[in-house]
Structure formats: structure tokens, C-alpha cells
Protein backbone atom coordinates (compact mmCIF):
# COMPACT_ATOMS: atom_id res chain seq x y z
CA MET A 1 99.88 100.19 130.78
CA LYS A 2 99.37 96.66 132.07
CA ASN A 3 101.25 93.54 131.06
CA GLN A 4 98.54 91.22 132.30
CA HIS A 5 94.96 90.92 131.14
CA PRO A 6 92.47 88.04 131.08
CA GLU A 7 93.46 85.95 128.07
CA SER A 8 89.84 85.22 127.29
CA GLU A 9 89.12 88.91 126.59
CA GLN A 10 91.94 89.23 124.06
CA ARG A 11 91.15 85.92 122.36
CA LYS A 12 87.43 86.61 122.27
CA ARG A 13 87.70 90.00 120.60
CA LEU A 14 90.27 88.95 118.00
CA ARG A 15 88.58 85.68 117.12
CA ALA A 16 85.19 87.40 116.87
CA ALA A 17 86.41 90.32 114.73
CA ARG A 18 84.31 90.48 111.55
CA ARG A 19 85.79 93.61 110.01
CA ALA A 20 89.50 94.42 110.02
CA VAL A 21 91.92 96.95 108.58
CA ILE A 22 95.38 95.54 107.87
CA LYS A 23 98.24 97.95 107.20
CA LEU A 24 101.43 96.76 105.49
CA GLY A 25 104.56 98.81 106.10
CA THR A 26 107.16 99.62 103.47
CA GLY A 27 109.58 97.06 104.93
CA ILE A 28 106.99 94.34 104.34
CA VAL A 29 105.89 95.38 100.84
CA THR A 30 109.29 96.12 99.30
CA GLY A 31 112.81 94.80 99.63
CA SER A 32 116.01 96.84 99.88
CA ASP A 33 116.25 96.73 96.07
CA GLY A 34 112.88 98.44 95.67
CA GLN A 35 111.13 95.32 94.40
CA PHE A 36 107.76 93.90 95.48
CA ASN A 37 108.49 91.41 98.26
CA VAL A 38 106.58 88.32 97.15
CA GLU A 39 108.05 86.24 99.99
CA HIS A 40 106.36 88.43 102.61
CA LEU A 41 103.13 89.05 100.73
CA VAL A 42 102.19 85.52 99.60
CA PRO A 43 101.32 84.36 103.15
CA VAL A 44 99.48 87.64 103.80
CA ALA A 45 97.33 87.11 100.69
CA ARG A 46 96.67 83.49 101.66
CA THR A 47 95.45 84.47 105.12
CA ILE A 48 93.31 87.34 103.81
CA ALA A 49 91.69 84.93 101.35
CA ALA A 50 90.92 82.52 104.20
CA LEU A 51 89.52 85.33 106.34
CA LYS A 52 87.23 86.50 103.55
CA LYS A 53 86.09 82.94 102.93
CA ASP A 54 85.16 82.84 106.62
CA GLY A 55 82.89 85.84 106.07
CA ARG A 56 85.19 88.53 107.41
CA GLN A 57 85.53 91.91 105.71
CA ILE A 58 89.08 93.14 105.13
CA VAL A 59 90.53 96.49 104.09
CA LEU A 60 94.20 96.57 103.14
CA VAL A 61 96.23 99.75 103.62
CA SER A 62 99.51 99.44 101.76
CA SER A 63 102.69 101.46 101.70
CA GLY A 64 105.34 100.83 99.07
CA ALA A 65 104.43 102.96 96.04
CA VAL A 66 107.38 105.34 96.43
CA GLY A 67 109.80 102.46 97.00
CA LEU A 68 108.57 100.54 93.96
CA GLY A 69 108.79 103.67 91.81
CA ARG A 70 112.32 104.34 92.97
CA GLY A 71 113.31 100.76 92.21
CA ARG A 72 111.76 100.84 88.74
CA MET A 73 113.62 104.04 87.83
CA GLY A 74 116.88 102.87 89.41
CA LEU A 75 117.20 105.87 91.71
CA HIS A 76 119.35 106.02 94.83
CA ARG A 77 117.60 106.60 98.15
CA ASP A 78 119.18 110.05 98.41
CA ARG A 79 117.09 111.23 95.46
CA LEU A 80 114.00 110.84 97.66
CA ASN A 81 115.06 113.84 99.73
CA ASP A 82 113.30 115.95 97.13
CA LEU A 83 109.50 116.20 97.48
CA VAL A 84 108.80 116.42 93.76
CA MET A 85 110.97 113.35 93.14
CA ARG A 86 109.04 111.43 95.80
CA GLN A 87 105.79 112.39 94.09
CA ALA A 88 107.18 111.23 90.74
CA CYS A 89 108.23 107.91 92.28
CA ALA A 90 104.75 107.53 93.79
CA ALA A 91 103.14 108.13 90.40
CA VAL A 92 105.27 105.40 88.83
CA GLY A 93 105.06 103.03 91.79
CA GLN A 94 101.31 103.15 92.46
CA SER A 95 100.42 101.34 89.23
CA LEU A 96 103.20 98.82 89.87
CA LEU A 97 101.87 98.22 93.37
CA MET A 98 98.33 97.52 92.18
CA HIS A 99 99.60 95.30 89.35
CA GLU A 100 101.52 93.16 91.84
CA TYR A 101 98.50 92.92 94.14
CA GLU A 102 96.29 91.96 91.18
CA LYS A 103 98.62 89.05 90.40
CA LEU A 104 98.84 88.08 94.05
CA PHE A 105 95.10 87.96 94.77
CA GLN A 106 94.00 86.69 91.37
CA ALA A 107 95.09 83.23 92.45
CA HIS A 108 92.47 83.43 95.22
CA GLY A 109 89.69 84.85 93.03
CA ILE A 110 89.58 88.12 94.97
CA GLN A 111 88.50 91.33 93.26
CA LEU A 112 90.44 94.46 94.18
CA ALA A 113 89.58 98.17 94.34
CA GLN A 114 92.14 100.95 94.48
CA VAL A 115 91.21 103.71 96.95
CA LEU A 116 93.53 106.73 96.95
CA LEU A 117 92.83 109.24 99.70
CA THR A 118 93.93 112.71 100.72
CA GLU A 119 93.43 114.74 103.88
CA GLY A 120 90.41 116.39 102.30
CA ASP A 121 88.53 113.10 102.25
CA PHE A 122 88.57 113.18 106.05
CA VAL A 123 88.53 116.91 106.75
CA ASP A 124 85.49 117.72 104.62
CA ARG A 125 82.39 116.34 106.35
CA GLY A 126 80.59 115.67 103.06
CA ARG A 127 83.50 113.78 101.50
CA TYR A 128 83.95 111.95 104.80
CA SER A 129 80.38 110.66 104.54
CA ASN A 130 80.82 109.73 100.87
CA LEU A 131 83.95 107.75 101.70
CA ARG A 132 82.02 105.70 104.25
CA GLN A 133 79.30 104.89 101.72
CA THR A 134 81.84 103.85 99.07
CA MET A 135 83.75 101.61 101.47
CA GLU A 136 80.55 99.99 102.69
CA ALA A 137 79.48 99.26 99.09
CA LEU A 138 82.85 97.68 98.25
CA LEU A 139 82.81 95.48 101.34
CA LYS A 140 79.25 94.31 100.68
CA LEU A 141 80.31 93.36 97.15
CA GLY A 142 83.07 91.19 98.56
CA VAL A 143 85.79 93.41 97.08
CA LEU A 144 89.13 93.93 98.82
CA PRO A 145 89.82 97.71 98.98
CA ILE A 146 93.52 98.56 98.82
CA VAL A 147 94.01 102.00 100.33
CA ASN A 148 96.92 104.39 100.05
CA GLU A 149 97.60 108.09 100.33
CA ASN A 150 97.30 109.82 96.96
CA ASP A 151 100.97 110.81 97.05
CA THR A 152 100.99 112.12 93.47
CA VAL A 153 98.75 115.08 94.33
CA SER A 154 98.98 115.29 98.12
CA THR A 155 102.17 116.59 99.72
CA ALA A 156 101.04 116.13 103.32
CA GLU A 157 102.34 112.60 103.69
CA LEU A 158 105.44 112.90 101.50
CA ASP A 159 106.73 116.15 102.99
CA TYR A 160 107.95 114.35 106.08
CA LEU A 161 111.32 116.15 106.10
CA ASN A 162 109.58 119.42 107.02
CA ILE A 163 107.26 118.11 109.75
CA ARG A 164 107.73 119.92 113.04
CA ALA A 165 107.86 117.76 116.14
CA GLY A 166 104.49 117.33 117.78
CA GLU A 167 102.35 118.33 114.80
CA ARG A 168 99.26 116.19 114.33
CA ILE A 169 99.01 115.97 110.56
CA PHE A 170 98.09 113.33 108.01
CA SER A 171 101.69 112.20 107.63
CA ASP A 172 101.85 108.41 107.42
CA ASN A 173 99.93 105.29 106.48
CA ASP A 174 99.71 104.18 110.12
CA ARG A 175 97.46 107.12 110.89
CA LEU A 176 95.64 106.70 107.57
CA ALA A 177 94.87 103.08 108.47
CA ALA A 178 93.62 104.10 111.91
CA LEU A 179 91.35 106.80 110.49
CA VAL A 180 89.90 104.33 107.98
CA MET A 181 89.42 101.77 110.75
CA SER A 182 87.64 104.33 112.92
CA HIS A 183 85.50 105.60 110.04
CA ILE A 184 84.19 102.20 108.92
CA GLU A 185 83.93 101.06 112.56
CA ALA A 186 86.12 98.02 112.08
CA ASP A 187 86.74 95.69 115.00
CA VAL A 188 90.50 95.49 114.70
CA LEU A 189 93.45 97.41 113.28
CA ILE A 190 96.57 95.38 112.47
CA LEU A 191 99.84 97.16 111.76
CA LEU A 192 102.34 94.75 110.19
CA THR A 193 105.90 96.00 110.39
CA ASP A 194 109.44 94.61 110.49
CA VAL A 195 109.69 94.35 114.29
CA ASP A 196 107.98 92.00 116.74
CA GLY A 197 105.95 94.72 118.46
CA LEU A 198 106.47 97.46 121.03
CA MET A 199 109.65 96.58 122.87
CA GLN A 200 110.22 96.98 126.60
CA LEU A 201 113.64 98.53 126.02
CA GLY A 202 114.24 101.53 123.79
CA ALA A 203 116.63 101.67 120.87
CA SER A 204 119.55 102.42 123.24
CA GLY A 205 119.05 99.20 125.20
CA PRO A 206 120.70 95.86 124.40
CA LYS A 207 118.69 94.28 121.61
CA ASP A 208 119.20 90.77 122.96
CA LEU A 209 117.50 91.82 126.21
CA ALA A 210 114.56 93.60 124.60
CA ALA A 211 111.18 91.98 125.17
CA VAL A 212 107.86 92.58 123.46
CA ILE A 213 105.17 94.21 125.59
CA PRO A 214 102.28 91.80 124.96
CA LEU A 215 99.37 93.95 126.12
CA VAL A 216 98.62 97.66 126.50
CA GLU A 217 95.45 99.13 127.99
CA GLU A 218 96.58 102.76 128.24
CA ILE A 219 98.99 104.73 126.05
CA SER A 220 100.95 106.78 128.56
CA PRO A 221 103.83 109.28 128.13
CA GLU A 222 106.18 106.60 129.45
CA LEU A 223 105.01 104.22 126.76
CA LYS A 224 105.56 106.82 124.05
CA ALA A 225 109.09 107.36 125.34
CA LEU A 226 109.85 103.77 124.34
CA ALA A 227 108.80 104.43 120.78
CA LEU A 228 110.95 107.32 119.61
CA GLY A 229 112.61 107.23 116.20
CA PRO A 230 111.41 106.57 112.62
CA SER A 231 111.84 103.33 110.76
CA GLU A 232 114.64 103.06 108.21
CA GLY A 233 112.64 102.41 105.07
CA GLY A 234 109.29 104.03 105.79
CA ARG A 235 108.14 107.43 106.98
CA GLY A 236 106.57 106.28 110.20
CA GLY A 237 108.07 104.72 113.29
CA MET A 238 106.78 103.11 116.46
CA LEU A 239 105.51 106.47 117.74
CA THR A 240 103.18 106.85 114.75
CA LYS A 241 101.95 103.32 115.38
CA LEU A 242 101.10 104.21 118.97
CA ASP A 243 99.20 107.23 117.64
CA ALA A 244 97.29 104.90 115.31
CA ALA A 245 96.64 102.42 118.11
CA GLU A 246 95.25 105.22 120.28
CA ILE A 247 92.75 106.15 117.57
CA ALA A 248 91.72 102.48 117.28
CA MET A 249 91.24 102.26 121.03
CA GLN A 250 89.09 105.42 121.05
CA ALA A 251 86.99 103.76 118.36
CA GLY A 252 86.34 100.89 120.77
CA GLY A 253 88.43 98.47 118.72
CA VAL A 254 91.55 96.38 119.13
CA ALA A 255 94.92 97.30 117.63
CA VAL A 256 97.86 94.97 117.06
CA ILE A 257 101.45 95.82 116.13
CA ALA A 258 103.24 92.70 114.91
CA ASN A 259 106.00 91.36 112.68
CA GLY A 260 104.76 90.96 109.11
CA LYS A 261 107.87 89.05 108.09
CA ARG A 262 106.71 86.02 110.06
CA GLN A 263 104.50 83.89 107.83
CA ASP A 264 102.06 82.87 110.57
CA THR A 265 101.54 86.31 112.16
CA LEU A 266 98.08 87.06 110.74
CA ASP A 267 96.85 83.54 111.44
CA ARG A 268 97.99 83.79 115.05
CA ILE A 269 96.36 87.18 115.53
CA PHE A 270 92.93 86.07 114.31
CA ASP A 271 93.22 82.84 116.30
CA GLY A 272 93.75 84.96 119.40
CA GLU A 273 97.24 83.58 119.94
CA PRO A 274 100.13 85.74 121.23
CA ALA A 275 101.58 87.81 118.40
CA GLY A 276 103.14 91.25 118.81
CA THR A 277 101.61 93.92 121.04
CA VAL A 278 97.83 94.04 121.50
CA PHE A 279 96.08 97.28 122.48
CA LEU A 280 92.73 96.93 124.26
CA SER A 281 90.33 99.58 125.48
CA LYS A 282 87.06 99.32 127.38
CA THR A 283 85.85 102.77 126.35
CA ARG A 284 84.59 104.15 123.05
CA MET A 285 84.32 107.71 121.75
CA ALA A 286 81.30 108.49 119.59
CA GLY A 287 81.85 108.77 115.84
CA LYS A 288 81.30 112.53 115.52
CA ARG A 289 83.60 113.19 118.45
CA ARG A 290 86.30 110.95 116.91
CA TRP A 291 86.03 112.99 113.73
CA ILE A 292 86.53 116.24 115.64
CA ALA A 293 89.45 114.85 117.66
CA TYR A 294 91.35 112.96 114.97
CA ALA A 295 90.07 113.29 111.40
CA ALA A 296 89.02 116.90 110.98
CA GLY A 297 91.66 119.46 110.04
CA VAL A 298 92.19 122.17 112.64
CA ARG A 299 91.69 125.54 110.92
CA GLY A 300 92.42 128.01 113.70
CA ARG A 301 92.84 128.54 117.43
CA VAL A 302 90.63 130.05 120.09
CA VAL A 303 92.50 131.26 123.17
CA VAL A 304 90.35 131.24 126.30
CA ASN A 305 90.70 132.52 129.86
CA ALA A 306 91.03 130.36 132.97
CA GLY A 307 87.32 130.60 133.77
CA ALA A 308 86.31 129.30 130.36
CA ARG A 309 88.81 126.45 130.59
CA ASP A 310 87.45 125.41 134.00
CA ALA A 311 83.89 125.56 132.69
CA LEU A 312 84.73 123.40 129.67
CA THR A 313 86.85 120.80 131.49
CA GLY A 314 84.82 120.64 134.67
CA GLY A 315 81.27 120.62 133.43
CA LYS A 316 79.03 120.56 130.41
CA ALA A 317 79.45 124.17 129.37
CA SER A 318 79.56 125.56 125.84
CA LEU A 319 82.29 128.01 124.86
CA LEU A 320 80.96 131.56 125.25
CA ALA A 321 82.37 134.68 123.64
CA SER A 322 82.86 136.19 127.10
CA GLY A 323 85.49 133.53 127.87
CA VAL A 324 87.57 134.09 124.71
CA ILE A 325 90.74 136.19 124.86
CA ARG A 326 91.45 136.15 121.12
CA VAL A 327 91.16 134.03 117.98
CA GLU A 328 94.03 133.05 115.68
CA GLY A 329 94.24 131.68 112.15
CA GLU A 330 91.60 131.67 109.44
CA PHE A 331 88.47 129.55 109.80
CA GLU A 332 84.88 129.55 108.64
CA ALA A 333 81.68 128.56 110.43
CA ALA A 334 81.35 124.76 110.86
CA GLU A 335 85.13 124.23 110.77
CA VAL A 336 87.11 122.69 113.62
CA VAL A 337 89.21 124.95 115.82
CA SER A 338 91.74 124.21 118.53
CA ILE A 339 90.79 125.52 121.97
CA VAL A 340 93.83 126.53 124.03
CA ASP A 341 94.48 128.17 127.38
CA GLY A 342 96.38 131.40 127.96
CA GLU A 343 99.71 129.57 127.73
CA GLY A 344 98.85 128.08 124.36
CA LEU A 345 98.21 124.53 125.62
CA GLU A 346 95.50 122.78 123.63
CA PHE A 347 92.95 121.08 125.87
CA ALA A 348 89.95 120.80 123.54
CA ARG A 349 88.75 120.97 119.93
CA GLY A 350 85.38 121.98 118.63
CA ILE A 351 83.27 122.97 115.63
CA SER A 352 82.94 126.74 115.55
CA ASP A 353 79.48 128.25 114.98
CA TYR A 354 81.10 131.33 113.48
CA SER A 355 83.88 132.40 111.11
CA ARG A 356 86.95 134.13 112.48
CA GLY A 357 85.61 137.56 111.44
CA ASP A 358 82.28 137.06 113.18
CA ALA A 359 83.99 135.61 116.25
CA GLU A 360 86.32 138.60 116.50
CA GLY A 361 83.31 140.91 116.26
CA MET A 362 81.66 139.10 119.16
CA ILE A 363 84.64 139.16 121.50
CA GLY A 364 85.65 142.66 120.45
CA ASN A 365 82.48 144.24 121.79
CA GLY A 366 82.35 143.02 125.36
CA SER A 367 79.36 144.93 126.74
CA LYS A 368 77.36 144.56 123.52
CA THR A 369 78.08 140.85 123.40
CA ARG A 370 77.00 140.36 127.00
CA ALA A 371 73.81 142.29 126.35
CA ASN A 372 73.05 140.20 123.28
CA GLY A 373 73.83 137.09 125.29
CA ARG A 374 71.25 137.99 127.91
CA ALA A 375 68.67 138.73 125.25
CA ASN A 376 69.42 135.63 123.26
CA GLY A 377 71.18 132.84 125.14
CA ARG A 378 72.61 131.34 121.96
CA ALA A 379 73.97 134.58 120.53
CA SER A 380 77.17 134.47 122.61
CA VAL A 381 77.92 130.76 122.07
CA LEU A 382 80.98 130.27 119.83
CA VAL A 383 81.14 126.47 120.16
CA LYS A 384 78.25 124.34 121.43
CA ARG A 385 79.01 121.73 124.06
CA ASP A 386 77.89 118.88 121.81
CA ASN A 387 80.57 119.95 119.34
CA ILE A 388 83.44 120.06 121.86
CA VAL A 389 85.89 117.22 122.53
CA LEU A 390 88.37 117.39 125.40
CA MET A 391 91.85 116.30 124.34
CA ASP A 392 93.91 114.05 126.56
CA ARG A 393 97.27 115.75 127.01
CA LYS A 394 99.00 113.60 129.62
């Protein structure tokens, strides 16, 4: 993490951004009464209209469906502790959300498209490709896609009460926005929330002494320690926003976490002026590798010995059957598996060439496997090097 960076770099990349994904948090979209917050959204719509008029392509990722549904049905917040009730609220609120956006953007002559996504749209490689084509078509038509998780049929995002700490699942709109940004190769990801950005002091520090960290070039464990705790109204918190920002950085883009309650926030961001916390990266992970690392669902685990780990992390080796101790979970050929060491620490992910049954057959016959490997160099390869991504576990 660095608090100083040439101003010209930040200004240049934000001012030059031609494609952006803007995510609106629940605290921006709805008020405490569960109503659509026109006061916050009118300036957002005005800026988006100006950006589109300037030739920029915008995708809007919006939370708020559950909150609007709860407000319409007059339910207390405690009723949302039930998953089925949250899904019912989402079903009611999603149409309300789009109706409000239709009214909001109609004044600017902007056509909208509703795009409801589930994990499967990212996990399945074919659907992943179809999503890209659809989004590209909408943007070329000048349409504003409004994206949300399909909460009515997908429980992954809504079942936040049962998420175990540390699980990397499709659990919030911050991550959804980052995956969309990465997939369509947008230049910038903007996460509008109800705080000014990533604060220097944690929640236990005096609020009047907290200061926004203006610039981040590396997301370290120390930085994540500043971001613990969920937001009051939404499912995500600052930690999920750092996760999203990390995906955006790996995509070679810029991420910004800023206060959406300030009317000039979006204008300041695209003018390259100080606003919130900006995340910059000078590196970029290739698209297929980003899919393996972040978007694809992990279907099983492959436990490897120390020699295989050294070969994978220290060189350009593929994962051979001879280096596998055991396989866990159910997976088919061409699905992504987690690659872990003997202590269960994940250090890589990759696309398996074989199903679990075939993989077990290969590692269960050591001498036969080695003989086949000598006769046919590819016979003993479980995961090819080109399909392996090393995971940063600082």
C-alpha cells in the first residue's frame, strides 16, 4: 500500500476511461423506510447521462431489490433472517427497482435493460461467453444495462447468514460488479457506498480522527484488517469491496470506493479529482486466468506433495499424477479444482483434464501410471500448465 502516487497517472486513467461499471449499494438505493432514495439517485442518473453523451459506456449494478420489497410489504427487518422471505422480498422488489429506474432515466432518454445473473452465468464457460456477447450488444446499442443477482432463484447471495468465514463464493453485489467489470474488460469499477472510502482507522478507532486512504497499489493483509465488518443495511462490507477492487486490479483496471451520498462524487471521479479511495495496478492477468481464479466455481480439491508444489510454484510445470496425494470432492473433466498442499493450504487453481474417478484411477496405480507417463508424456498430466493459476495467499 502506498499513499502517494503521481497524480497524473490517476487523473489520466480515470479521465480516459471509456467503459465503466458503477455499483450502487443498498444504503444508496434505499432509505431506512425501504423506499427508493430519489435524493441519492437523481444526481447519479444525471452524471451517467452526461457520461453516455460523452461517448462512454456504462453498466449499472444495483442492490436494493430486497429492501424495496420489504418496504412495499411493510415487513420488519427481522423478517429478513429467513432465506425464503428474502427471496420473496426480492421477487416483489426487483420489479419496483426497475420501475423506479425507468422513471429516473426516462427524463434523460436512456433505454434500460434488466440483466439478472446467477453463479452459473460465470461458472459455465459457455454461458460466460454468451453473457459477454449480450453485454457487448447492449452497450453498442447505447442501452444502459442494470445488473443484479437473480435473488428469486439463486440462494448463493441471499444465504449470507450461513456463509463460513473465508469462503470465496458469489455472495454480494460488490463481487458481482467486479466480475462483470473483469468480463467486459471495463476500464474502471466504481463502488458507491455510504462511507467516504477505506479509512485509515478501523471501526474501533475514533471516528473524528479517521482519514480516507486516497490511493492503494497493493491489497495487503494489513489493509484487509482495516476493513472488517459488514455494512448495516447491505450484505457486503468494506472487506467485500477490497475483494472486488482486487479483481478489478487483476483485470488491469482502476477501482474506486467512494461516498454515493455526495452529489458530486461521480463527477469528481471521472474528472480525476480526489474522491474516496482509488486502487491502481500496473499488472494485468489474462482473461482466461482471471476466469479460473475468480469467476469459475471450484468443484473439488487436489492435494499434492511438496515436490509437486515446488514444481508448480517455482517453474512452468504441469500437475502430474505422480505428485498427487489424493483428490477430494466431485468434479468432471474441464471443471476447475483447487490445488492444495499437504496441510490443506490452497496455492493454485486449475482446469482438470480428468473427472475425479479417472484422476483417482491414475494416482491409485503408481507404477502403471508412471509407465504410461513414460510411454505417453501427456497421459500422466492432470492439469496442464496453461490452465493453472497461482493464488496469492499473503
